[in-house]
C-alpha atoms as a PDB file:
ATOM      1  CA  MET A   1       7.239  53.808  64.049  1.00  0.00           C
ATOM      2  CA  SER A   2       7.990  56.903  61.895  1.00  0.00           C
ATOM      3  CA  GLN A   3       6.419  60.184  62.579  1.00  0.00           C
ATOM      4  CA  PRO A   4       4.429  61.958  59.715  1.00  0.00           C
ATOM      5  CA  GLU A   5       7.308  64.513  59.306  1.00  0.00           C
ATOM      6  CA  ASP A   6       9.624  61.677  58.739  1.00  0.00           C
ATOM      7  CA  ILE A   7       7.730  60.420  55.650  1.00  0.00           C
ATOM      8  CA  PRO A   8       8.716  62.072  52.327  1.00  0.00           C
ATOM      9  CA  ARG A   9       5.798  64.205  50.896  1.00  0.00           C
ATOM     10  CA  ALA A  10       5.391  62.148  47.691  1.00  0.00           C
ATOM     11  CA  ARG A  11       5.114  58.914  49.676  1.00  0.00           C
ATOM     12  CA  LYS A  12       2.572  60.488  52.007  1.00  0.00           C
ATOM     13  CA  ARG A  13       0.460  61.580  49.068  1.00  0.00           C
ATOM     14  CA  ARG A  14       0.590  57.950  47.637  1.00  0.00           C
ATOM     15  CA  TYR A  15      -0.549  56.631  51.118  1.00  0.00           C
ATOM     16  CA  ASP A  16      -3.381  59.157  51.316  1.00  0.00           C
ATOM     17  CA  GLY A  17      -4.412  58.065  47.781  1.00  0.00           C
ATOM     18  CA  ALA A  18      -4.366  54.440  48.841  1.00  0.00           C
ATOM     19  CA  VAL A  19      -6.592  55.249  51.871  1.00  0.00           C
ATOM     20  CA  ILE A  20      -9.014  57.443  49.760  1.00  0.00           C
ATOM     21  CA  LEU A  21      -9.302  54.887  46.858  1.00  0.00           C
ATOM     22  CA  PRO A  22     -11.551  52.370  48.560  1.00  0.00           C
ATOM     23  CA  ILE A  23     -13.692  55.162  49.926  1.00  0.00           C
ATOM     24  CA  PHE A  24     -14.164  56.671  46.489  1.00  0.00           C
ATOM     25  CA  ALA A  25     -14.872  53.193  45.135  1.00  0.00           C
ATOM     26  CA  ALA A  26     -17.573  52.641  47.594  1.00  0.00           C
ATOM     27  CA  MET A  27     -19.216  55.959  46.836  1.00  0.00           C
ATOM     28  CA  LEU A  28     -19.308  55.076  43.086  1.00  0.00           C
ATOM     29  CA  ILE A  29     -21.380  52.007  43.762  1.00  0.00           C
ATOM     30  CA  LEU A  30     -24.055  53.871  45.770  1.00  0.00           C
ATOM     31  CA  PRO A  31     -27.430  54.160  44.272  1.00  0.00           C
ATOM     32  CA  PRO A  32     -27.227  57.766  43.088  1.00  0.00           C
ATOM     33  CA  PHE A  33     -24.248  56.918  40.823  1.00  0.00           C
ATOM     34  CA  VAL A  34     -25.412  53.405  39.821  1.00  0.00           C
ATOM     35  CA  GLY A  35     -28.959  54.884  39.062  1.00  0.00           C
ATOM     36  CA  LEU A  36     -27.429  56.954  36.366  1.00  0.00           C
ATOM     37  CA  PHE A  37     -26.470  53.956  34.496  1.00  0.00           C
ATOM     38  CA  ALA A  38     -29.454  51.585  35.391  1.00  0.00           C
ATOM     39  CA  VAL A  39     -31.277  52.367  32.135  1.00  0.00           C
ATOM     40  CA  PRO A  40     -32.407  50.030  29.418  1.00  0.00           C
ATOM     41  CA  VAL A  41     -29.434  50.639  27.225  1.00  0.00           C
ATOM     42  CA  THR A  42     -27.059  48.119  25.814  1.00  0.00           C
ATOM     43  CA  VAL A  43     -23.534  48.511  24.287  1.00  0.00           C
ATOM     44  CA  PHE A  44     -22.726  45.598  22.034  1.00  0.00           C
ATOM     45  CA  GLY A  45     -25.394  43.652  23.894  1.00  0.00           C
ATOM     46  CA  ILE A  46     -24.049  44.364  27.324  1.00  0.00           C
ATOM     47  CA  PRO A  47     -26.220  46.336  29.646  1.00  0.00           C
ATOM     48  CA  LEU A  48     -24.737  49.834  30.459  1.00  0.00           C
ATOM     49  CA  ILE A  49     -24.872  49.177  34.182  1.00  0.00           C
ATOM     50  CA  VAL A  50     -22.620  46.061  33.762  1.00  0.00           C
ATOM     51  CA  LEU A  51     -20.217  48.034  31.725  1.00  0.00           C
ATOM     52  CA  TRP A  52     -20.191  50.848  34.494  1.00  0.00           C
ATOM     53  CA  LEU A  53     -19.617  48.397  37.319  1.00  0.00           C
ATOM     54  CA  PHE A  54     -16.890  46.274  35.588  1.00  0.00           C
ATOM     55  CA  GLY A  55     -15.323  49.376  34.025  1.00  0.00           C
ATOM     56  CA  GLN A  56     -15.096  51.079  37.388  1.00  0.00           C
ATOM     57  CA  TRP A  57     -13.672  47.851  38.882  1.00  0.00           C
ATOM     58  CA  LEU A  58     -10.930  47.680  36.144  1.00  0.00           C
ATOM     59  CA  VAL A  59      -9.994  51.357  36.549  1.00  0.00           C
ATOM     60  CA  LEU A  60      -9.797  51.026  40.352  1.00  0.00           C
ATOM     61  CA  ILE A  61      -7.499  48.028  40.064  1.00  0.00           C
ATOM     62  CA  ALA A  62      -5.308  49.935  37.659  1.00  0.00           C
ATOM     63  CA  ILE A  63      -5.006  52.857  40.021  1.00  0.00           C
ATOM     64  CA  ALA A  64      -4.337  50.651  43.016  1.00  0.00           C
ATOM     65  CA  ARG A  65      -1.638  48.819  40.961  1.00  0.00           C
ATOM     66  CA  ARG A  66      -0.061  52.070  40.096  1.00  0.00           C
ATOM     67  CA  LEU A  67      -0.048  53.340  43.633  1.00  0.00           C
ATOM     68  CA  ALA A  68       1.556  49.974  44.697  1.00  0.00           C
ATOM     69  CA  HIS A  69       4.147  50.136  42.023  1.00  0.00           C
ATOM     70  CA  LEU A  70       5.104  53.673  42.934  1.00  0.00           C
ATOM     71  CA  ASP A  71       5.412  52.831  46.588  1.00  0.00           C
ATOM     72  CA  ARG A  72       7.489  49.712  45.916  1.00  0.00           C
ATOM     73  CA  LYS A  73       9.805  51.749  43.684  1.00  0.00           C
ATOM     74  CA  SER A  74      10.234  54.427  46.249  1.00  0.00           C
ATOM     75  CA  THR A  75      10.903  51.983  49.056  1.00  0.00           C
ATOM     76  CA  ARG A  76      13.662  50.372  46.935  1.00  0.00           C
ATOM     77  CA  LEU A  77      15.153  53.763  46.270  1.00  0.00           C
ATOM     78  CA  ASN A  78      15.091  54.804  49.883  1.00  0.00           C
ATOM     79  CA  SER A  79      16.533  51.434  51.064  1.00  0.00           C
ATOM     80  CA  SER A  80      19.530  51.761  48.742  1.00  0.00           C
ATOM     81  CA  HIS A  81      20.690  54.977  50.606  1.00  0.00           C
END
């Protein structure tokens, strides 16, 4: 197993981001944040809270995909050396 000093800085930052992402996502669905969007407002007939939850879900998936893509790319570059 590699020691933290063996891991390149950029890869460690991506790893840290991947660890923090689910924690951040969990915080976004806690009542203080969801309560901000639990109002009787609709956008194109869709309740605002539904847009908030699905929008957040979509953004988090996009961020996770980007982190995975960058990690895969750096792993391929490191294995070619």
